[in-house]
Amino acid sequence: LQLLGLTTWVSELEANNLAYRNLKVQRYAEESGRPAQKVPKTRLLLDASYESIVRQLEVYGVLQSEDANWIELVSEMNRRVDYYHRLLAQRDGISAARKAGKEAISSSSFSSSSESKAA
């Protein structure tokens, strides 16, 4: 190693490997400290709570449909729901476009490479 002048490089590589191992151990420790709740289970509970609140608001709206506070609350909730529906639709459109683009690239590169092999 000394003859080739690689001792500095090997020392630097060992230091970087040690730093990587330390970072990896630190991240594992951070992840183990996170709550162990499962997202799907929590999501089901959250959805059930949301549906309960919506039902209560609907009942209140039937009984007190002229209440200005209720109208404002429901209008704001509807705006937020519409916003997130548009956001999800945009994401779905972007994902579909990316998938279609990748398929087009894959099929065109395949056909051009097979054409060049045939020629």
N, C-alpha and C. Protein backbone atom coordinates (compact mmCIF):
# COMPACT_ATOMS: atom_id res chain seq x y z
N LEU A 1 0.81 -1.20 0.00
CA LEU A 1 0.00 0.00 0.00
C LEU A 1 0.86 1.27 0.00
N GLN A 2 1.97 1.21 0.76
CA GLN A 2 2.86 2.37 0.81
C GLN A 2 3.52 2.59 -0.55
N LEU A 3 3.88 1.50 -1.19
CA LEU A 3 4.52 1.59 -2.49
C LEU A 3 3.61 2.26 -3.52
N LEU A 4 2.32 1.93 -3.45
CA LEU A 4 1.36 2.51 -4.39
C LEU A 4 0.79 3.85 -3.90
N GLY A 5 1.09 4.22 -2.67
CA GLY A 5 0.60 5.48 -2.13
C GLY A 5 -0.87 5.44 -1.75
N LEU A 6 -1.33 4.28 -1.30
CA LEU A 6 -2.74 4.12 -0.99
C LEU A 6 -3.04 4.14 0.52
N THR A 7 -2.06 4.37 1.36
CA THR A 7 -2.29 4.34 2.81
C THR A 7 -3.26 5.43 3.23
N THR A 8 -3.15 6.60 2.67
CA THR A 8 -4.08 7.69 3.00
C THR A 8 -5.49 7.33 2.57
N TRP A 9 -5.61 6.76 1.39
CA TRP A 9 -6.92 6.38 0.86
C TRP A 9 -7.56 5.31 1.73
N VAL A 10 -6.80 4.32 2.16
CA VAL A 10 -7.32 3.25 3.01
C VAL A 10 -7.76 3.81 4.36
N SER A 11 -6.98 4.72 4.92
CA SER A 11 -7.35 5.34 6.20
C SER A 11 -8.65 6.12 6.06
N GLU A 12 -8.77 6.85 4.98
CA GLU A 12 -10.00 7.62 4.75
C GLU A 12 -11.20 6.69 4.55
N LEU A 13 -10.99 5.61 3.84
CA LEU A 13 -12.06 4.63 3.61
C LEU A 13 -12.50 4.00 4.93
N GLU A 14 -11.57 3.64 5.79
CA GLU A 14 -11.90 3.08 7.09
C GLU A 14 -12.68 4.08 7.94
N ALA A 15 -12.29 5.34 7.91
CA ALA A 15 -12.99 6.38 8.67
C ALA A 15 -14.42 6.56 8.15
N ASN A 16 -14.59 6.56 6.85
CA ASN A 16 -15.92 6.69 6.26
C ASN A 16 -16.79 5.48 6.58
N ASN A 17 -16.22 4.29 6.55
CA ASN A 17 -16.98 3.09 6.90
C ASN A 17 -17.43 3.13 8.36
N LEU A 18 -16.55 3.58 9.24
CA LEU A 18 -16.90 3.70 10.65
C LEU A 18 -18.02 4.73 10.84
N ALA A 19 -17.93 5.86 10.15
CA ALA A 19 -18.97 6.89 10.24
C ALA A 19 -20.30 6.34 9.72
N TYR A 20 -20.26 5.57 8.66
CA TYR A 20 -21.48 4.97 8.11
C TYR A 20 -22.11 4.00 9.12
N ARG A 21 -21.28 3.13 9.71
CA ARG A 21 -21.79 2.19 10.71
C ARG A 21 -22.43 2.93 11.89
N ASN A 22 -21.79 4.00 12.35
CA ASN A 22 -22.34 4.76 13.46
C ASN A 22 -23.68 5.40 13.10
N LEU A 23 -23.78 5.94 11.90
CA LEU A 23 -25.03 6.54 11.45
C LEU A 23 -26.13 5.49 11.35
N LYS A 24 -25.78 4.33 10.84
CA LYS A 24 -26.75 3.24 10.70
C LYS A 24 -27.27 2.80 12.07
N VAL A 25 -26.37 2.65 13.04
CA VAL A 25 -26.77 2.27 14.39
C VAL A 25 -27.67 3.36 15.00
N GLN A 26 -27.32 4.62 14.76
CA GLN A 26 -28.12 5.73 15.29
C GLN A 26 -29.53 5.71 14.70
N ARG A 27 -29.64 5.47 13.42
CA ARG A 27 -30.96 5.43 12.78
C ARG A 27 -31.78 4.26 13.29
N TYR A 28 -31.17 3.11 13.47
CA TYR A 28 -31.90 1.96 14.02
C TYR A 28 -32.41 2.28 15.42
N ALA A 29 -31.59 2.98 16.20
CA ALA A 29 -32.01 3.36 17.56
C ALA A 29 -33.19 4.33 17.50
N GLU A 30 -33.15 5.28 16.57
CA GLU A 30 -34.25 6.23 16.42
C GLU A 30 -35.53 5.52 16.01
N GLU A 31 -35.42 4.58 15.07
CA GLU A 31 -36.61 3.86 14.62
C GLU A 31 -37.18 2.98 15.71
N SER A 32 -36.36 2.41 16.54
CA SER A 32 -36.86 1.56 17.61
C SER A 32 -37.57 2.38 18.68
N GLY A 33 -37.29 3.68 18.75
CA GLY A 33 -37.94 4.54 19.73
C GLY A 33 -39.29 5.06 19.28
N ARG A 34 -39.67 4.79 18.07
CA ARG A 34 -40.95 5.26 17.55
C ARG A 34 -42.09 4.41 18.11
N PRO A 35 -43.30 4.98 18.18
CA PRO A 35 -44.45 4.20 18.66
C PRO A 35 -44.70 2.99 17.77
N ALA A 36 -45.16 1.95 18.36
CA ALA A 36 -45.37 0.70 17.63
C ALA A 36 -46.78 0.57 17.09
N GLN A 37 -47.52 1.67 17.01
CA GLN A 37 -48.88 1.59 16.49
C GLN A 37 -48.86 1.29 15.00
N LYS A 38 -49.83 0.54 14.59
CA LYS A 38 -49.95 0.20 13.19
C LYS A 38 -50.81 1.25 12.49
N VAL A 39 -50.35 1.75 11.38
CA VAL A 39 -51.04 2.81 10.66
C VAL A 39 -52.43 2.37 10.19
N PRO A 40 -52.58 1.20 9.57
CA PRO A 40 -53.92 0.81 9.10
C PRO A 40 -54.95 0.74 10.24
N LYS A 41 -54.54 0.22 11.39
CA LYS A 41 -55.46 0.12 12.52
C LYS A 41 -55.84 1.52 13.01
N THR A 42 -54.87 2.39 13.13
CA THR A 42 -55.12 3.76 13.57
C THR A 42 -55.98 4.49 12.54
N ARG A 43 -55.74 4.23 11.26
CA ARG A 43 -56.53 4.87 10.20
C ARG A 43 -57.99 4.46 10.29
N LEU A 44 -58.26 3.19 10.59
CA LEU A 44 -59.64 2.73 10.73
C LEU A 44 -60.33 3.44 11.89
N LEU A 45 -59.63 3.59 13.00
CA LEU A 45 -60.20 4.30 14.15
C LEU A 45 -60.46 5.77 13.81
N LEU A 46 -59.54 6.38 13.12
CA LEU A 46 -59.69 7.78 12.72
C LEU A 46 -60.88 7.94 11.77
N ASP A 47 -61.00 7.04 10.79
CA ASP A 47 -62.13 7.10 9.85
C ASP A 47 -63.46 6.95 10.58
N ALA A 48 -63.53 6.03 11.55
CA ALA A 48 -64.76 5.83 12.31
C ALA A 48 -65.11 7.09 13.10
N SER A 49 -64.13 7.73 13.69
CA SER A 49 -64.37 8.98 14.43
C SER A 49 -64.86 10.07 13.50
N TYR A 50 -64.24 10.18 12.34
CA TYR A 50 -64.65 11.19 11.36
C TYR A 50 -66.10 10.96 10.93
N GLU A 51 -66.44 9.72 10.63
CA GLU A 51 -67.81 9.40 10.21
C GLU A 51 -68.82 9.73 11.31
N SER A 52 -68.45 9.50 12.56
CA SER A 52 -69.32 9.83 13.68
C SER A 52 -69.56 11.34 13.77
N ILE A 53 -68.49 12.11 13.61
CA ILE A 53 -68.61 13.57 13.65
C ILE A 53 -69.49 14.06 12.50
N VAL A 54 -69.31 13.51 11.32
CA VAL A 54 -70.10 13.92 10.15
C VAL A 54 -71.57 13.60 10.39
N ARG A 55 -71.87 12.43 10.93
CA ARG A 55 -73.27 12.07 11.22
C ARG A 55 -73.89 13.05 12.22
N GLN A 56 -73.13 13.40 13.25
CA GLN A 56 -73.64 14.35 14.24
C GLN A 56 -73.90 15.72 13.62
N LEU A 57 -73.01 16.15 12.74
CA LEU A 57 -73.21 17.43 12.06
C LEU A 57 -74.43 17.38 11.14
N GLU A 58 -74.63 16.25 10.49
CA GLU A 58 -75.79 16.11 9.61
C GLU A 58 -77.08 16.20 10.41
N VAL A 59 -77.12 15.54 11.55
CA VAL A 59 -78.30 15.59 12.41
C VAL A 59 -78.53 17.01 12.89
N TYR A 60 -77.48 17.68 13.33
CA TYR A 60 -77.60 19.06 13.78
C TYR A 60 -78.09 19.94 12.64
N GLY A 61 -77.61 19.70 11.44
CA GLY A 61 -78.04 20.48 10.29
C GLY A 61 -79.50 20.30 9.97
N VAL A 62 -80.03 19.12 10.19
CA VAL A 62 -81.46 18.89 9.98
C VAL A 62 -82.26 19.68 11.02
N LEU A 63 -81.78 19.68 12.26
CA LEU A 63 -82.51 20.36 13.33
C LEU A 63 -82.32 21.87 13.32
N GLN A 64 -81.12 22.33 12.98
CA GLN A 64 -80.78 23.75 13.03
C GLN A 64 -80.17 24.21 11.72
N SER A 65 -80.87 24.06 10.63
CA SER A 65 -80.29 24.34 9.31
C SER A 65 -80.00 25.82 9.07
N GLU A 66 -80.53 26.71 9.88
CA GLU A 66 -80.32 28.14 9.69
C GLU A 66 -79.18 28.69 10.54
N ASP A 67 -78.54 27.87 11.35
CA ASP A 67 -77.46 28.31 12.24
C ASP A 67 -76.25 28.73 11.41
N ALA A 68 -75.85 29.98 11.53
CA ALA A 68 -74.74 30.52 10.73
C ALA A 68 -73.43 29.82 11.05
N ASN A 69 -73.19 29.49 12.30
CA ASN A 69 -71.94 28.78 12.67
C ASN A 69 -71.89 27.40 12.03
N TRP A 70 -73.01 26.72 12.00
CA TRP A 70 -73.06 25.40 11.39
C TRP A 70 -72.80 25.51 9.89
N ILE A 71 -73.42 26.50 9.25
CA ILE A 71 -73.24 26.69 7.81
C ILE A 71 -71.78 26.99 7.51
N GLU A 72 -71.15 27.84 8.30
CA GLU A 72 -69.74 28.17 8.09
C GLU A 72 -68.85 26.94 8.29
N LEU A 73 -69.10 26.17 9.34
CA LEU A 73 -68.31 24.97 9.62
C LEU A 73 -68.43 23.96 8.49
N VAL A 74 -69.64 23.69 8.06
CA VAL A 74 -69.86 22.70 7.00
C VAL A 74 -69.26 23.19 5.69
N SER A 75 -69.37 24.48 5.40
CA SER A 75 -68.78 25.02 4.18
C SER A 75 -67.26 24.84 4.19
N GLU A 76 -66.64 25.14 5.32
CA GLU A 76 -65.18 24.99 5.43
C GLU A 76 -64.77 23.52 5.30
N MET A 77 -65.51 22.64 5.93
CA MET A 77 -65.20 21.20 5.83
C MET A 77 -65.33 20.74 4.38
N ASN A 78 -66.37 21.18 3.69
CA ASN A 78 -66.56 20.79 2.29
C ASN A 78 -65.43 21.33 1.41
N ARG A 79 -64.97 22.56 1.70
CA ARG A 79 -63.84 23.11 0.93
C ARG A 79 -62.59 22.24 1.14
N ARG A 80 -62.36 21.84 2.37
CA ARG A 80 -61.18 21.01 2.64
C ARG A 80 -61.28 19.64 1.99
N VAL A 81 -62.45 19.03 2.06
CA VAL A 81 -62.65 17.72 1.43
C VAL A 81 -62.45 17.84 -0.08
N ASP A 82 -63.02 18.88 -0.68
CA ASP A 82 -62.84 19.09 -2.12
C ASP A 82 -61.37 19.28 -2.48
N TYR A 83 -60.66 20.06 -1.65
CA TYR A 83 -59.23 20.29 -1.89
C TYR A 83 -58.46 18.97 -1.89
N TYR A 84 -58.70 18.12 -0.90
CA TYR A 84 -57.97 16.86 -0.83
C TYR A 84 -58.39 15.90 -1.93
N HIS A 85 -59.64 15.94 -2.35
CA HIS A 85 -60.05 15.10 -3.49
C HIS A 85 -59.33 15.53 -4.76
N ARG A 86 -59.21 16.87 -4.96
CA ARG A 86 -58.47 17.36 -6.13
C ARG A 86 -56.99 16.97 -6.05
N LEU A 87 -56.43 17.08 -4.84
CA LEU A 87 -55.03 16.73 -4.65
C LEU A 87 -54.79 15.25 -4.97
N LEU A 88 -55.67 14.38 -4.48
CA LEU A 88 -55.53 12.96 -4.77
C LEU A 88 -55.72 12.67 -6.26
N ALA A 89 -56.65 13.37 -6.89
CA ALA A 89 -56.86 13.18 -8.33
C ALA A 89 -55.61 13.60 -9.12
N GLN A 90 -54.99 14.70 -8.69
CA GLN A 90 -53.76 15.15 -9.35
C GLN A 90 -52.66 14.11 -9.18
N ARG A 91 -52.52 13.60 -7.97
CA ARG A 91 -51.48 12.59 -7.72
C ARG A 91 -51.74 11.34 -8.54
N ASP A 92 -53.01 10.92 -8.62
CA ASP A 92 -53.34 9.75 -9.43
C ASP A 92 -53.01 10.01 -10.90
N GLY A 93 -53.33 11.22 -11.37
CA GLY A 93 -53.02 11.57 -12.76
C GLY A 93 -51.54 11.60 -13.02
N ILE A 94 -50.78 12.15 -12.09
CA ILE A 94 -49.32 12.20 -12.24
C ILE A 94 -48.75 10.79 -12.24
N SER A 95 -49.24 9.95 -11.31
CA SER A 95 -48.74 8.57 -11.25
C SER A 95 -49.07 7.81 -12.53
N ALA A 96 -50.29 8.01 -13.02
CA ALA A 96 -50.68 7.32 -14.26
C ALA A 96 -49.83 7.81 -15.44
N ALA A 97 -49.57 9.12 -15.48
CA ALA A 97 -48.75 9.67 -16.57
C ALA A 97 -47.33 9.14 -16.50
N ARG A 98 -46.79 9.07 -15.30
CA ARG A 98 -45.43 8.53 -15.15
C ARG A 98 -45.38 7.07 -15.57
N LYS A 99 -46.38 6.31 -15.14
CA LYS A 99 -46.43 4.89 -15.49
C LYS A 99 -46.55 4.73 -17.01
N ALA A 100 -47.42 5.53 -17.62
CA ALA A 100 -47.58 5.46 -19.08
C ALA A 100 -46.30 5.88 -19.78
N GLY A 101 -45.62 6.90 -19.24
CA GLY A 101 -44.36 7.34 -19.83
C GLY A 101 -43.28 6.29 -19.73
N LYS A 102 -43.19 5.62 -18.59
CA LYS A 102 -42.20 4.56 -18.42
C LYS A 102 -42.49 3.39 -19.35
N GLU A 103 -43.79 3.05 -19.49
CA GLU A 103 -44.14 1.96 -20.39
C GLU A 103 -43.81 2.32 -21.83
N ALA A 104 -44.06 3.59 -22.20
CA ALA A 104 -43.76 4.03 -23.56
C ALA A 104 -42.26 4.00 -23.81
N ILE A 105 -41.49 4.45 -22.82
CA ILE A 105 -40.03 4.44 -22.96
C ILE A 105 -39.53 3.01 -23.05
N SER A 106 -40.05 2.14 -22.19
CA SER A 106 -39.61 0.75 -22.19
C SER A 106 -39.94 0.07 -23.51
N SER A 107 -41.16 0.29 -24.00
CA SER A 107 -41.54 -0.39 -25.24
C SER A 107 -40.80 0.19 -26.44
N SER A 108 -40.55 1.52 -26.45
CA SER A 108 -39.85 2.10 -27.58
C SER A 108 -38.38 1.69 -27.57
N SER A 109 -37.77 1.63 -26.39
CA SER A 109 -36.37 1.22 -26.34
C SER A 109 -36.24 -0.25 -26.69
N PHE A 110 -37.24 -1.03 -26.32
CA PHE A 110 -37.20 -2.45 -26.65
C PHE A 110 -37.35 -2.63 -28.16
N SER A 111 -38.31 -1.89 -28.74
CA SER A 111 -38.51 -2.07 -30.18
C SER A 111 -37.33 -1.54 -30.98
N SER A 112 -36.72 -0.44 -30.52
CA SER A 112 -35.59 0.09 -31.28
C SER A 112 -34.37 -0.82 -31.13
N SER A 113 -34.20 -1.43 -29.95
CA SER A 113 -33.05 -2.32 -29.79
C SER A 113 -33.28 -3.61 -30.56
N SER A 114 -34.54 -4.08 -30.62
CA SER A 114 -34.79 -5.30 -31.37
C SER A 114 -34.70 -5.04 -32.87
N GLU A 115 -35.09 -3.79 -33.30
CA GLU A 115 -34.97 -3.46 -34.70
C GLU A 115 -33.51 -3.38 -35.14
N SER A 116 -32.66 -2.83 -34.24
CA SER A 116 -31.25 -2.71 -34.60
C SER A 116 -30.59 -4.08 -34.65
N LYS A 117 -31.06 -5.00 -33.81
CA LYS A 117 -30.50 -6.36 -33.85
C LYS A 117 -30.94 -7.07 -35.12
N ALA A 118 -32.19 -6.77 -35.56
CA ALA A 118 -32.69 -7.42 -36.78
C ALA A 118 -31.97 -6.88 -38.01
N ALA A 119 -31.56 -5.63 -37.97
CA ALA A 119 -30.92 -5.02 -39.14
C ALA A 119 -29.50 -5.49 -39.22
